[in-house]
């Protein structure tokens, strides 16, 4: 997937990302990708297609659940459904290059309704970001210009522990990950993701120059 440099979406990200509420930090981004497949995307598709063909020849309960059942994209027996899954995984890999999402399955996505997504996003960001309610219509209009929201298929991503790029970032108040896929005309996918997380407390030094718990750990190792 090719990242599209769209200054208006970058402005949306700047408004959201890094908002300090006092006890928490809101991070997020709005990014858009072309559906044109690069070399890594083609390799990913081939790998997942091989897994699907193997599942066809070995219809165990586990394989049926992973590869052969229904999905938010339609029946996984249909090639177009599998291509949509690959497109979303490719977007994740491009947006978070330090993580590998090739193990993500269709069961980690949910098909969403636009009006409900807008309500959820406005409620989350409106409760955390001062000024969101005043600028939200402008942000949604900007997103609509780039992706044509009413023409999109929308999916939320609910990562499991082994495919969650935020797992090591501490506790969260909330998080959302939405994909807006417009593959008919624009052939683009837009990611809108945000989370509100508690600030990590810095480790404190005691009077002997040890970090919290460091002295106790050394004492335990001596025994």
N, C-alpha and C. Protein backbone atom coordinates (compact mmCIF):
# COMPACT_ATOMS: atom_id res chain seq x y z
N UNK A 1 0.84 -1.19 0.00
CA UNK A 1 0.00 0.00 0.00
C UNK A 1 0.88 1.24 0.00
N UNK A 2 0.49 2.23 -0.76
CA UNK A 2 1.27 3.47 -0.84
C UNK A 2 0.64 4.54 0.04
N UNK A 3 1.44 5.08 0.95
CA UNK A 3 0.97 6.18 1.79
C UNK A 3 0.76 7.41 0.93
N UNK A 4 -0.39 8.07 1.11
CA UNK A 4 -0.71 9.27 0.35
C UNK A 4 -0.46 10.50 1.22
N UNK A 5 0.37 11.37 0.74
CA UNK A 5 0.67 12.60 1.48
C UNK A 5 -0.44 13.61 1.22
N UNK A 6 -1.31 13.78 2.20
CA UNK A 6 -2.46 14.67 2.08
C UNK A 6 -2.40 15.67 3.23
N UNK A 7 -1.98 16.90 2.96
CA UNK A 7 -1.77 17.89 4.02
C UNK A 7 -2.99 18.13 4.90
N UNK A 8 -4.19 18.08 4.34
CA UNK A 8 -5.38 18.33 5.15
C UNK A 8 -5.58 17.23 6.20
N UNK A 9 -5.27 15.98 5.82
CA UNK A 9 -5.37 14.90 6.80
C UNK A 9 -4.27 15.02 7.85
N UNK A 10 -3.11 15.50 7.44
CA UNK A 10 -2.03 15.72 8.41
C UNK A 10 -2.45 16.76 9.44
N UNK A 11 -3.21 17.74 9.03
CA UNK A 11 -3.72 18.75 9.96
C UNK A 11 -4.69 18.13 10.96
N UNK A 12 -5.52 17.20 10.48
CA UNK A 12 -6.43 16.49 11.39
C UNK A 12 -5.64 15.72 12.44
N UNK A 13 -4.59 15.03 12.00
CA UNK A 13 -3.74 14.29 12.93
C UNK A 13 -3.11 15.22 13.96
N UNK A 14 -2.63 16.36 13.51
CA UNK A 14 -1.98 17.31 14.42
C UNK A 14 -2.94 17.80 15.50
N UNK A 15 -4.21 17.94 15.17
CA UNK A 15 -5.18 18.42 16.15
C UNK A 15 -5.42 17.37 17.24
N UNK A 16 -5.36 16.08 16.85
CA UNK A 16 -5.68 14.99 17.77
C UNK A 16 -4.46 14.53 18.55
N UNK A 17 -3.37 14.32 17.85
CA UNK A 17 -2.23 13.60 18.42
C UNK A 17 -1.49 14.43 19.47
N UNK A 18 -1.25 13.80 20.61
CA UNK A 18 -0.47 14.43 21.65
C UNK A 18 -1.24 15.34 22.59
N UNK A 19 -2.57 15.28 22.54
CA UNK A 19 -3.36 16.11 23.43
C UNK A 19 -3.18 15.67 24.88
N UNK A 20 -2.77 16.60 25.73
CA UNK A 20 -2.52 16.33 27.15
C UNK A 20 -3.73 16.80 27.95
N UNK A 21 -4.41 15.85 28.61
CA UNK A 21 -5.59 16.21 29.40
C UNK A 21 -5.27 16.39 30.88
N UNK A 22 -4.02 16.22 31.24
CA UNK A 22 -3.62 16.28 32.65
C UNK A 22 -3.18 14.92 33.13
N UNK A 23 -4.12 14.00 33.29
CA UNK A 23 -3.79 12.65 33.74
C UNK A 23 -3.58 11.69 32.56
N UNK A 24 -4.06 12.07 31.38
CA UNK A 24 -3.98 11.18 30.23
C UNK A 24 -3.42 11.92 29.02
N UNK A 25 -3.06 11.13 28.02
CA UNK A 25 -2.60 11.65 26.74
C UNK A 25 -3.46 11.01 25.64
N UNK A 26 -3.94 11.82 24.72
CA UNK A 26 -4.65 11.32 23.55
C UNK A 26 -3.68 11.28 22.38
N UNK A 27 -3.55 10.11 21.76
CA UNK A 27 -2.74 9.98 20.57
C UNK A 27 -3.61 9.42 19.45
N UNK A 28 -3.27 9.74 18.23
CA UNK A 28 -4.07 9.25 17.12
C UNK A 28 -3.55 9.77 15.80
N UNK A 29 -4.16 9.29 14.73
CA UNK A 29 -3.77 9.74 13.40
C UNK A 29 -4.86 9.43 12.39
N UNK A 30 -4.83 10.21 11.33
CA UNK A 30 -5.72 10.00 10.18
C UNK A 30 -4.82 9.88 8.96
N UNK A 31 -4.77 8.70 8.36
CA UNK A 31 -3.88 8.44 7.24
C UNK A 31 -4.63 7.77 6.11
N UNK A 32 -4.14 7.99 4.89
CA UNK A 32 -4.80 7.42 3.72
C UNK A 32 -3.78 6.67 2.88
N UNK A 33 -4.21 5.56 2.31
CA UNK A 33 -3.33 4.72 1.51
C UNK A 33 -4.00 4.36 0.19
N UNK A 34 -3.20 4.30 -0.85
CA UNK A 34 -3.68 3.80 -2.14
C UNK A 34 -3.78 2.28 -2.08
N UNK A 35 -4.77 1.74 -2.76
CA UNK A 35 -4.95 0.28 -2.78
C UNK A 35 -4.02 -0.42 -3.77
N UNK A 36 -3.20 0.34 -4.47
CA UNK A 36 -2.26 -0.28 -5.40
C UNK A 36 -1.26 -1.12 -4.62
N UNK A 37 -1.14 -2.37 -4.98
CA UNK A 37 -0.31 -3.30 -4.22
C UNK A 37 1.16 -3.15 -4.58
N UNK A 38 1.98 -3.07 -3.54
CA UNK A 38 3.43 -3.07 -3.71
C UNK A 38 3.94 -4.51 -3.57
N UNK A 39 5.26 -4.67 -3.62
CA UNK A 39 5.83 -6.01 -3.56
C UNK A 39 5.49 -6.75 -2.28
N UNK A 40 5.56 -6.05 -1.13
CA UNK A 40 5.26 -6.68 0.15
C UNK A 40 3.79 -7.09 0.22
N UNK A 41 2.91 -6.29 -0.38
CA UNK A 41 1.48 -6.62 -0.37
C UNK A 41 1.21 -7.87 -1.20
N UNK A 42 1.89 -7.98 -2.33
CA UNK A 42 1.71 -9.16 -3.17
C UNK A 42 2.22 -10.41 -2.46
N UNK A 43 3.33 -10.26 -1.76
CA UNK A 43 3.87 -11.40 -1.00
C UNK A 43 2.90 -11.82 0.10
N UNK A 44 2.31 -10.83 0.78
CA UNK A 44 1.34 -11.12 1.84
C UNK A 44 0.13 -11.83 1.27
N UNK A 45 -0.37 -11.36 0.14
CA UNK A 45 -1.53 -12.00 -0.47
C UNK A 45 -1.22 -13.45 -0.84
N UNK A 46 -0.05 -13.67 -1.42
CA UNK A 46 0.34 -15.04 -1.80
C UNK A 46 0.41 -15.94 -0.57
N UNK A 47 0.99 -15.44 0.51
CA UNK A 47 1.11 -16.23 1.74
C UNK A 47 -0.26 -16.59 2.30
N UNK A 48 -1.16 -15.60 2.40
CA UNK A 48 -2.49 -15.88 2.95
C UNK A 48 -3.31 -16.75 2.01
N UNK A 49 -3.11 -16.58 0.71
CA UNK A 49 -3.84 -17.41 -0.24
C UNK A 49 -3.38 -18.87 -0.13
N UNK A 50 -2.10 -19.08 0.09
CA UNK A 50 -1.60 -20.44 0.30
C UNK A 50 -2.20 -21.06 1.56
N UNK A 51 -2.32 -20.24 2.62
CA UNK A 51 -2.95 -20.73 3.85
C UNK A 51 -4.40 -21.10 3.60
N UNK A 52 -5.09 -20.31 2.80
CA UNK A 52 -6.49 -20.59 2.49
C UNK A 52 -6.62 -21.90 1.70
N UNK A 53 -5.77 -22.07 0.71
CA UNK A 53 -5.83 -23.29 -0.09
C UNK A 53 -5.51 -24.52 0.75
N UNK A 54 -4.57 -24.36 1.69
CA UNK A 54 -4.26 -25.46 2.59
C UNK A 54 -5.45 -25.78 3.49
N UNK A 55 -6.15 -24.74 3.93
CA UNK A 55 -7.33 -24.95 4.77
C UNK A 55 -8.42 -25.67 4.01
N UNK A 56 -8.53 -25.41 2.71
CA UNK A 56 -9.53 -26.11 1.89
C UNK A 56 -9.27 -27.61 1.85
N UNK A 57 -7.99 -27.97 1.84
CA UNK A 57 -7.64 -29.39 1.76
C UNK A 57 -7.67 -30.07 3.12
N UNK A 58 -7.73 -29.28 4.19
CA UNK A 58 -7.76 -29.83 5.54
C UNK A 58 -8.79 -29.08 6.36
N UNK A 59 -10.02 -29.44 6.22
CA UNK A 59 -11.13 -28.70 6.83
C UNK A 59 -11.32 -29.09 8.30
N UNK A 60 -10.30 -28.84 9.08
CA UNK A 60 -10.40 -29.05 10.52
C UNK A 60 -11.25 -27.94 11.12
N UNK A 61 -11.80 -28.15 12.33
CA UNK A 61 -12.59 -27.07 12.96
C UNK A 61 -11.81 -25.77 13.08
N UNK A 62 -10.51 -25.87 13.41
CA UNK A 62 -9.72 -24.64 13.56
C UNK A 62 -9.53 -23.93 12.23
N UNK A 63 -9.24 -24.70 11.16
CA UNK A 63 -9.08 -24.09 9.85
C UNK A 63 -10.38 -23.48 9.35
N UNK A 64 -11.48 -24.17 9.62
CA UNK A 64 -12.77 -23.64 9.19
C UNK A 64 -13.06 -22.32 9.87
N UNK A 65 -12.73 -22.23 11.15
CA UNK A 65 -12.97 -20.98 11.89
C UNK A 65 -12.09 -19.86 11.36
N UNK A 66 -10.83 -20.16 11.08
CA UNK A 66 -9.89 -19.12 10.67
C UNK A 66 -10.08 -18.67 9.24
N UNK A 67 -10.35 -19.62 8.34
CA UNK A 67 -10.24 -19.30 6.92
C UNK A 67 -11.52 -19.48 6.10
N UNK A 68 -12.45 -20.31 6.56
CA UNK A 68 -13.52 -20.73 5.67
C UNK A 68 -14.90 -20.19 6.06
N UNK A 69 -15.00 -19.51 7.17
CA UNK A 69 -16.30 -19.06 7.64
C UNK A 69 -16.70 -17.71 7.05
N UNK A 70 -17.77 -17.16 7.60
CA UNK A 70 -18.21 -15.83 7.20
C UNK A 70 -17.28 -14.79 7.80
N UNK A 71 -17.34 -13.59 7.29
CA UNK A 71 -16.48 -12.52 7.77
C UNK A 71 -17.17 -11.19 7.53
N UNK A 72 -16.65 -10.10 8.09
CA UNK A 72 -17.23 -8.78 7.82
C UNK A 72 -17.12 -8.38 6.35
N UNK A 73 -16.24 -9.07 5.61
CA UNK A 73 -16.01 -8.75 4.20
C UNK A 73 -16.85 -9.62 3.27
N UNK A 74 -17.59 -10.57 3.84
CA UNK A 74 -18.33 -11.55 3.05
C UNK A 74 -17.72 -12.92 3.26
N UNK A 75 -18.25 -13.94 2.60
CA UNK A 75 -17.69 -15.30 2.75
C UNK A 75 -16.23 -15.34 2.34
N UNK A 76 -15.41 -15.96 3.17
CA UNK A 76 -13.99 -16.01 2.88
C UNK A 76 -13.67 -16.94 1.70
N UNK A 77 -14.66 -17.73 1.29
CA UNK A 77 -14.45 -18.52 0.08
C UNK A 77 -14.40 -17.66 -1.17
N UNK A 78 -14.89 -16.41 -1.05
CA UNK A 78 -14.90 -15.49 -2.18
C UNK A 78 -13.59 -14.71 -2.21
N UNK A 79 -12.96 -14.69 -3.36
CA UNK A 79 -11.64 -14.07 -3.49
C UNK A 79 -11.66 -12.60 -3.07
N UNK A 80 -12.70 -11.87 -3.41
CA UNK A 80 -12.76 -10.45 -3.08
C UNK A 80 -12.72 -10.23 -1.56
N UNK A 81 -13.33 -11.13 -0.80
CA UNK A 81 -13.30 -11.01 0.66
C UNK A 81 -11.88 -11.17 1.18
N UNK A 82 -11.16 -12.12 0.63
CA UNK A 82 -9.78 -12.34 1.06
C UNK A 82 -8.89 -11.16 0.65
N UNK A 83 -9.16 -10.58 -0.50
CA UNK A 83 -8.39 -9.42 -0.94
C UNK A 83 -8.61 -8.23 0.00
N UNK A 84 -9.84 -8.06 0.47
CA UNK A 84 -10.12 -6.96 1.40
C UNK A 84 -9.35 -7.15 2.70
N UNK A 85 -9.32 -8.37 3.20
CA UNK A 85 -8.55 -8.65 4.41
C UNK A 85 -7.08 -8.31 4.20
N UNK A 86 -6.52 -8.70 3.08
CA UNK A 86 -5.12 -8.41 2.78
C UNK A 86 -4.89 -6.90 2.70
N UNK A 87 -5.83 -6.18 2.10
CA UNK A 87 -5.69 -4.72 1.99
C UNK A 87 -5.64 -4.07 3.38
N UNK A 88 -6.49 -4.52 4.29
CA UNK A 88 -6.50 -3.92 5.62
C UNK A 88 -5.24 -4.28 6.40
N UNK A 89 -4.79 -5.52 6.27
CA UNK A 89 -3.54 -5.91 6.93
C UNK A 89 -2.37 -5.11 6.36
N UNK A 90 -2.37 -4.91 5.06
CA UNK A 90 -1.30 -4.13 4.43
C UNK A 90 -1.30 -2.69 4.93
N UNK A 91 -2.49 -2.12 5.13
CA UNK A 91 -2.58 -0.77 5.69
C UNK A 91 -1.99 -0.73 7.09
N UNK A 92 -2.31 -1.73 7.90
CA UNK A 92 -1.75 -1.78 9.25
C UNK A 92 -0.24 -1.89 9.22
N UNK A 93 0.28 -2.74 8.34
CA UNK A 93 1.73 -2.89 8.24
C UNK A 93 2.40 -1.59 7.80
N UNK A 94 1.73 -0.85 6.92
CA UNK A 94 2.30 0.41 6.44
C UNK A 94 2.20 1.50 7.49
N UNK A 95 1.10 1.51 8.24
CA UNK A 95 0.89 2.56 9.23
C UNK A 95 1.72 2.32 10.49
N UNK A 96 2.00 1.05 10.80
CA UNK A 96 2.80 0.69 11.98
C UNK A 96 3.95 -0.22 11.52
N UNK A 97 4.97 0.35 10.89
CA UNK A 97 6.02 -0.49 10.28
C UNK A 97 6.85 -1.29 11.28
N UNK A 98 6.75 -0.96 12.57
CA UNK A 98 7.51 -1.73 13.57
C UNK A 98 6.79 -3.01 14.00
N UNK A 99 5.62 -3.25 13.45
CA UNK A 99 4.83 -4.42 13.82
C UNK A 99 4.50 -5.25 12.58
N UNK A 100 4.26 -6.51 12.81
CA UNK A 100 3.89 -7.42 11.73
C UNK A 100 2.47 -7.92 12.00
N UNK A 101 1.55 -7.54 11.12
CA UNK A 101 0.14 -7.90 11.30
C UNK A 101 -0.29 -9.06 10.42
N UNK A 102 0.67 -9.79 9.87
CA UNK A 102 0.31 -10.85 8.92
C UNK A 102 -0.52 -11.95 9.56
N UNK A 103 -0.49 -12.05 10.89
CA UNK A 103 -1.28 -13.08 11.57
C UNK A 103 -2.70 -12.66 11.90
N UNK A 104 -3.06 -11.41 11.56
CA UNK A 104 -4.42 -10.92 11.85
C UNK A 104 -5.44 -11.69 11.03
N UNK A 105 -6.57 -12.03 11.65
CA UNK A 105 -7.64 -12.77 10.98
C UNK A 105 -8.89 -11.91 10.83
N UNK A 106 -9.76 -12.35 9.98
CA UNK A 106 -10.98 -11.59 9.68
C UNK A 106 -11.85 -11.41 10.92
N UNK A 107 -11.74 -12.34 11.88
CA UNK A 107 -12.56 -12.27 13.09
C UNK A 107 -12.20 -11.08 13.97
N UNK A 108 -11.07 -10.42 13.69
CA UNK A 108 -10.67 -9.26 14.48
C UNK A 108 -11.22 -7.95 13.92
N UNK A 109 -12.01 -8.06 12.86
CA UNK A 109 -12.65 -6.89 12.25
C UNK A 109 -14.16 -6.99 12.40
N UNK A 110 -14.79 -5.83 12.48
CA UNK A 110 -16.25 -5.75 12.55
C UNK A 110 -16.72 -4.72 11.53
N UNK A 111 -17.74 -5.05 10.77
CA UNK A 111 -18.28 -4.07 9.82
C UNK A 111 -19.13 -3.07 10.59
N UNK A 112 -18.97 -1.80 10.24
CA UNK A 112 -19.59 -0.73 11.01
C UNK A 112 -20.50 0.13 10.14
N UNK A 113 -21.38 0.85 10.82
CA UNK A 113 -22.27 1.82 10.19
C UNK A 113 -21.68 3.21 10.35
N UNK A 114 -21.71 4.03 9.28
CA UNK A 114 -21.08 5.33 9.31
C UNK A 114 -21.62 6.22 10.42
N UNK A 115 -22.91 6.32 10.54
CA UNK A 115 -23.49 7.21 11.54
C UNK A 115 -23.08 6.81 12.96
N UNK A 116 -23.03 5.50 13.20
CA UNK A 116 -22.62 5.03 14.52
C UNK A 116 -21.15 5.33 14.77
N UNK A 117 -20.31 5.17 13.76
CA UNK A 117 -18.88 5.47 13.90
C UNK A 117 -18.68 6.95 14.21
N UNK A 118 -19.39 7.81 13.50
CA UNK A 118 -19.25 9.25 13.75
C UNK A 118 -19.66 9.57 15.19
N UNK A 119 -20.75 8.97 15.65
CA UNK A 119 -21.18 9.21 17.04
C UNK A 119 -20.14 8.75 18.03
N UNK A 120 -19.59 7.55 17.80
CA UNK A 120 -18.59 7.01 18.72
C UNK A 120 -17.33 7.87 18.75
N UNK A 121 -16.85 8.26 17.59
CA UNK A 121 -15.64 9.08 17.53
C UNK A 121 -15.87 10.43 18.20
N UNK A 122 -17.00 11.06 17.90
CA UNK A 122 -17.29 12.36 18.50
C UNK A 122 -17.42 12.27 20.02
N UNK A 123 -18.02 11.18 20.50
CA UNK A 123 -18.17 11.01 21.94
C UNK A 123 -16.82 10.83 22.61
N UNK A 124 -15.96 9.99 22.01
CA UNK A 124 -14.64 9.73 22.61
C UNK A 124 -13.77 10.98 22.59
N UNK A 125 -13.62 11.56 21.43
CA UNK A 125 -12.73 12.71 21.32
C UNK A 125 -13.34 13.95 21.96
N UNK A 126 -14.67 14.06 21.94
CA UNK A 126 -15.31 15.19 22.57
C UNK A 126 -15.13 15.21 24.08
N UNK A 127 -15.00 14.04 24.67
CA UNK A 127 -14.82 13.96 26.12
C UNK A 127 -13.38 14.21 26.54
N UNK A 128 -12.46 14.11 25.59
CA UNK A 128 -11.04 14.18 25.94
C UNK A 128 -10.32 15.40 25.39
N UNK A 129 -10.78 15.93 24.26
CA UNK A 129 -10.05 17.01 23.59
C UNK A 129 -10.88 18.29 23.65
N UNK A 130 -10.34 19.28 24.29
CA UNK A 130 -11.00 20.58 24.36
C UNK A 130 -11.07 21.19 22.96
N UNK A 131 -12.24 21.60 22.57
CA UNK A 131 -12.41 22.21 21.26
C UNK A 131 -12.85 21.25 20.18
N UNK A 132 -12.91 19.93 20.50
CA UNK A 132 -13.32 18.97 19.47
C UNK A 132 -14.72 19.27 18.95
N UNK A 133 -15.64 19.54 19.83
CA UNK A 133 -17.03 19.77 19.41
C UNK A 133 -17.17 20.98 18.50
N UNK A 134 -16.22 21.91 18.58
CA UNK A 134 -16.26 23.08 17.73
C UNK A 134 -15.65 22.82 16.35
N UNK A 135 -14.73 21.88 16.27
CA UNK A 135 -14.01 21.65 15.01
C UNK A 135 -14.37 20.33 14.34
N UNK A 136 -15.18 19.51 15.01
CA UNK A 136 -15.43 18.16 14.50
C UNK A 136 -16.06 18.16 13.12
N UNK A 137 -16.99 19.07 12.84
CA UNK A 137 -17.63 19.09 11.52
C UNK A 137 -16.61 19.39 10.43
N UNK A 138 -15.68 20.27 10.73
CA UNK A 138 -14.64 20.60 9.76
C UNK A 138 -13.74 19.39 9.50
N UNK A 139 -13.41 18.65 10.56
CA UNK A 139 -12.57 17.47 10.39
C UNK A 139 -13.28 16.39 9.59
N UNK A 140 -14.54 16.14 9.89
CA UNK A 140 -15.28 15.14 9.12
C UNK A 140 -15.45 15.56 7.67
N UNK A 141 -15.61 16.85 7.41
CA UNK A 141 -15.71 17.33 6.03
C UNK A 141 -14.39 17.11 5.30
N UNK A 142 -13.29 17.35 5.99
CA UNK A 142 -11.97 17.12 5.39
C UNK A 142 -11.79 15.65 5.05
N UNK A 143 -12.16 14.77 5.96
CA UNK A 143 -12.06 13.33 5.70
C UNK A 143 -12.95 12.93 4.53
N UNK A 144 -14.15 13.49 4.49
CA UNK A 144 -15.09 13.15 3.42
C UNK A 144 -14.56 13.55 2.05
N UNK A 145 -13.87 14.67 1.98
CA UNK A 145 -13.30 15.12 0.70
C UNK A 145 -12.26 14.13 0.18
N UNK A 146 -11.56 13.48 1.08
CA UNK A 146 -10.48 12.58 0.67
C UNK A 146 -10.93 11.15 0.42
N UNK A 147 -12.06 10.74 1.02
CA UNK A 147 -12.43 9.31 0.95
C UNK A 147 -13.87 9.07 0.54
N UNK A 148 -14.73 10.12 0.53
CA UNK A 148 -16.15 9.97 0.16
C UNK A 148 -16.84 8.97 1.09
N UNK A 149 -17.12 9.41 2.29
CA UNK A 149 -17.54 8.53 3.38
C UNK A 149 -18.75 7.67 3.03
N UNK A 150 -19.73 8.24 2.34
CA UNK A 150 -20.96 7.49 2.04
C UNK A 150 -20.74 6.35 1.05
N UNK A 151 -19.59 6.36 0.39
CA UNK A 151 -19.27 5.29 -0.56
C UNK A 151 -18.37 4.22 0.06
N UNK A 152 -18.04 4.40 1.34
CA UNK A 152 -17.06 3.50 1.98
C UNK A 152 -17.72 2.30 2.64
N UNK A 153 -16.98 1.21 2.63
CA UNK A 153 -17.22 0.11 3.57
C UNK A 153 -16.35 0.41 4.79
N UNK A 154 -16.94 0.33 5.98
CA UNK A 154 -16.24 0.74 7.19
C UNK A 154 -16.06 -0.47 8.11
N UNK A 155 -14.86 -0.60 8.65
CA UNK A 155 -14.54 -1.71 9.54
C UNK A 155 -13.79 -1.18 10.77
N UNK A 156 -14.09 -1.76 11.90
CA UNK A 156 -13.29 -1.50 13.10
C UNK A 156 -12.36 -2.68 13.31
N UNK A 157 -11.20 -2.39 13.86
CA UNK A 157 -10.19 -3.40 14.14
C UNK A 157 -10.04 -3.54 15.64
N UNK A 158 -10.21 -4.77 16.12
CA UNK A 158 -10.12 -5.07 17.55
C UNK A 158 -8.99 -6.07 17.75
N UNK A 159 -7.78 -5.58 17.92
CA UNK A 159 -6.61 -6.47 17.93
C UNK A 159 -6.57 -7.39 19.13
N UNK A 160 -6.05 -8.58 18.89
CA UNK A 160 -5.75 -9.50 19.98
C UNK A 160 -4.40 -9.12 20.56
N UNK A 161 -4.04 -9.73 21.66
CA UNK A 161 -2.81 -9.35 22.37
C UNK A 161 -1.59 -9.41 21.47
N UNK A 162 -1.50 -10.45 20.64
CA UNK A 162 -0.28 -10.62 19.84
C UNK A 162 -0.27 -9.77 18.59
N UNK A 163 -1.33 -9.00 18.35
CA UNK A 163 -1.35 -8.12 17.17
C UNK A 163 -1.77 -6.71 17.55
N UNK A 164 -1.49 -6.34 18.80
CA UNK A 164 -1.88 -5.03 19.30
C UNK A 164 -0.64 -4.14 19.42
N UNK A 165 -0.48 -3.15 18.54
CA UNK A 165 0.72 -2.31 18.60
C UNK A 165 0.78 -1.42 19.83
N UNK A 166 -0.32 -1.34 20.59
CA UNK A 166 -0.37 -0.47 21.75
C UNK A 166 -0.25 -1.24 23.06
N UNK A 167 0.00 -2.54 22.98
CA UNK A 167 -0.04 -3.39 24.17
C UNK A 167 0.98 -2.96 25.22
N UNK A 168 2.12 -2.45 24.76
CA UNK A 168 3.18 -2.08 25.69
C UNK A 168 3.12 -0.62 26.14
N UNK A 169 2.06 0.08 25.72
CA UNK A 169 1.99 1.52 26.01
C UNK A 169 1.22 1.85 27.27
N UNK A 170 0.87 0.85 28.08
CA UNK A 170 0.18 1.13 29.33
C UNK A 170 -1.32 0.96 29.24
N UNK A 171 -2.02 1.46 30.26
CA UNK A 171 -3.47 1.30 30.35
C UNK A 171 -4.18 2.39 29.57
N UNK A 172 -5.37 2.04 29.07
CA UNK A 172 -6.13 2.97 28.26
C UNK A 172 -7.51 3.21 28.85
N UNK A 173 -7.99 4.43 28.63
CA UNK A 173 -9.38 4.75 28.94
C UNK A 173 -10.26 4.22 27.83
N UNK A 174 -9.84 4.42 26.60
CA UNK A 174 -10.55 3.92 25.42
C UNK A 174 -9.59 3.92 24.24
N UNK A 175 -9.97 3.20 23.21
CA UNK A 175 -9.22 3.18 21.96
C UNK A 175 -10.15 2.83 20.82
N UNK A 176 -9.89 3.35 19.64
CA UNK A 176 -10.65 2.93 18.46
C UNK A 176 -9.74 2.90 17.25
N UNK A 177 -10.06 2.00 16.31
CA UNK A 177 -9.31 1.83 15.07
C UNK A 177 -10.31 1.59 13.95
N UNK A 178 -10.53 2.58 13.10
CA UNK A 178 -11.50 2.46 12.03
C UNK A 178 -10.82 2.54 10.66
N UNK A 179 -11.34 1.71 9.74
CA UNK A 179 -10.90 1.72 8.36
C UNK A 179 -12.08 2.14 7.48
N UNK A 180 -11.83 3.09 6.59
CA UNK A 180 -12.82 3.52 5.61
C UNK A 180 -12.30 3.12 4.23
N UNK A 181 -12.90 2.11 3.64
CA UNK A 181 -12.40 1.55 2.38
C UNK A 181 -13.30 1.97 1.23
N UNK A 182 -12.73 2.75 0.30
CA UNK A 182 -13.44 3.14 -0.91
C UNK A 182 -12.67 2.57 -2.09
N UNK A 183 -13.05 1.36 -2.50
CA UNK A 183 -12.27 0.61 -3.47
C UNK A 183 -12.86 0.65 -4.88
N UNK A 184 -14.04 1.26 -5.03
CA UNK A 184 -14.68 1.26 -6.35
C UNK A 184 -14.10 2.34 -7.27
N UNK A 185 -13.98 3.56 -6.75
CA UNK A 185 -13.59 4.69 -7.59
C UNK A 185 -12.23 5.26 -7.17
N UNK A 186 -12.14 5.69 -5.92
CA UNK A 186 -10.89 6.29 -5.45
C UNK A 186 -9.80 5.25 -5.22
N UNK A 187 -10.23 4.01 -4.89
CA UNK A 187 -9.29 2.92 -4.59
C UNK A 187 -8.32 3.34 -3.47
N UNK A 188 -8.94 3.77 -2.37
CA UNK A 188 -8.20 4.20 -1.21
C UNK A 188 -8.75 3.57 0.05
N UNK A 189 -7.91 3.53 1.07
CA UNK A 189 -8.34 3.14 2.42
C UNK A 189 -7.81 4.17 3.40
N UNK A 190 -8.69 4.69 4.22
CA UNK A 190 -8.31 5.67 5.23
C UNK A 190 -8.37 5.04 6.61
N UNK A 191 -7.35 5.26 7.41
CA UNK A 191 -7.30 4.80 8.80
C UNK A 191 -7.52 5.98 9.73
N UNK A 192 -8.45 5.82 10.65
CA UNK A 192 -8.68 6.82 11.69
C UNK A 192 -8.57 6.08 13.01
N UNK A 193 -7.49 6.33 13.73
CA UNK A 193 -7.25 5.61 14.98
C UNK A 193 -6.89 6.60 16.08
N UNK A 194 -7.34 6.33 17.28
CA UNK A 194 -7.01 7.18 18.42
C UNK A 194 -7.16 6.38 19.70
N UNK A 195 -6.51 6.86 20.74
CA UNK A 195 -6.63 6.22 22.05
C UNK A 195 -6.30 7.25 23.12
N UNK A 196 -6.90 7.08 24.28
CA UNK A 196 -6.59 7.91 25.44
C UNK A 196 -5.95 7.01 26.48
N UNK A 197 -4.70 7.29 26.79
CA UNK A 197 -3.95 6.44 27.71
C UNK A 197 -3.45 7.21 28.91
N UNK A 198 -3.34 6.51 30.01
CA UNK A 198 -2.81 7.13 31.22
C UNK A 198 -1.32 7.39 31.05
N UNK A 199 -0.88 8.51 31.60
CA UNK A 199 0.54 8.83 31.56
C UNK A 199 1.32 7.81 32.38
N UNK A 200 2.46 7.41 31.87
CA UNK A 200 3.32 6.52 32.64
C UNK A 200 4.09 7.35 33.65
N UNK A 201 4.10 6.90 34.89
CA UNK A 201 4.80 7.64 35.94
C UNK A 201 6.29 7.37 35.86
N UNK A 202 7.10 8.41 35.90
CA UNK A 202 8.56 8.20 35.87
C UNK A 202 9.04 7.48 37.12
N UNK A 203 10.04 6.62 36.93
CA UNK A 203 10.62 5.91 38.06
C UNK A 203 11.30 6.90 39.00
N UNK A 204 11.13 6.70 40.28
CA UNK A 204 11.69 7.61 41.29
C UNK A 204 13.00 7.03 41.85
N UNK A 205 13.96 7.94 42.11
CA UNK A 205 15.22 7.54 42.72
C UNK A 205 15.11 7.68 44.22
N UNK A 206 15.62 6.68 44.98
CA UNK A 206 15.63 6.84 46.43
C UNK A 206 16.91 7.57 46.85
N UNK A 207 17.08 7.76 48.14
CA UNK A 207 18.20 8.57 48.63
C UNK A 207 19.55 7.92 48.37
N UNK A 208 19.55 6.59 48.10
CA UNK A 208 20.80 5.90 47.80
C UNK A 208 21.09 5.82 46.31
N UNK A 209 20.24 6.45 45.51
CA UNK A 209 20.47 6.47 44.08
C UNK A 209 19.91 5.27 43.34
N UNK A 210 19.02 4.49 43.99
CA UNK A 210 18.40 3.34 43.35
C UNK A 210 17.04 3.72 42.78
N UNK A 211 16.70 3.10 41.64
CA UNK A 211 15.34 3.25 41.13
C UNK A 211 14.40 2.45 42.00
N UNK A 212 13.10 2.81 41.95
CA UNK A 212 12.11 2.08 42.74
C UNK A 212 12.21 0.59 42.48
N UNK A 213 12.39 -0.20 43.52
CA UNK A 213 12.42 -1.65 43.39
C UNK A 213 13.76 -2.21 43.00
N UNK A 214 14.70 -1.34 42.55
CA UNK A 214 15.98 -1.83 42.07
C UNK A 214 16.81 -2.43 43.20
N UNK A 215 16.82 -1.76 44.36
CA UNK A 215 17.60 -2.25 45.49
C UNK A 215 17.08 -3.60 45.96
N UNK A 216 15.75 -3.71 46.06
CA UNK A 216 15.16 -4.98 46.50
C UNK A 216 15.51 -6.10 45.56
N UNK A 217 15.54 -5.82 44.24
CA UNK A 217 15.85 -6.85 43.28
C UNK A 217 17.30 -7.30 43.43
N UNK A 218 18.22 -6.35 43.67
CA UNK A 218 19.61 -6.72 43.86
C UNK A 218 19.78 -7.58 45.10
N UNK A 219 19.06 -7.22 46.15
CA UNK A 219 19.15 -7.99 47.39
C UNK A 219 18.67 -9.42 47.16
N UNK A 220 17.58 -9.57 46.41
CA UNK A 220 17.05 -10.89 46.13
C UNK A 220 18.03 -11.72 45.32
N UNK A 221 18.71 -11.07 44.36
CA UNK A 221 19.66 -11.80 43.53
C UNK A 221 20.87 -12.24 44.32
N UNK A 222 21.23 -11.46 45.37
CA UNK A 222 22.36 -11.85 46.20
C UNK A 222 22.08 -13.14 46.95
N UNK A 223 20.78 -13.40 47.19
CA UNK A 223 20.43 -14.62 47.89
C UNK A 223 20.18 -15.74 46.91
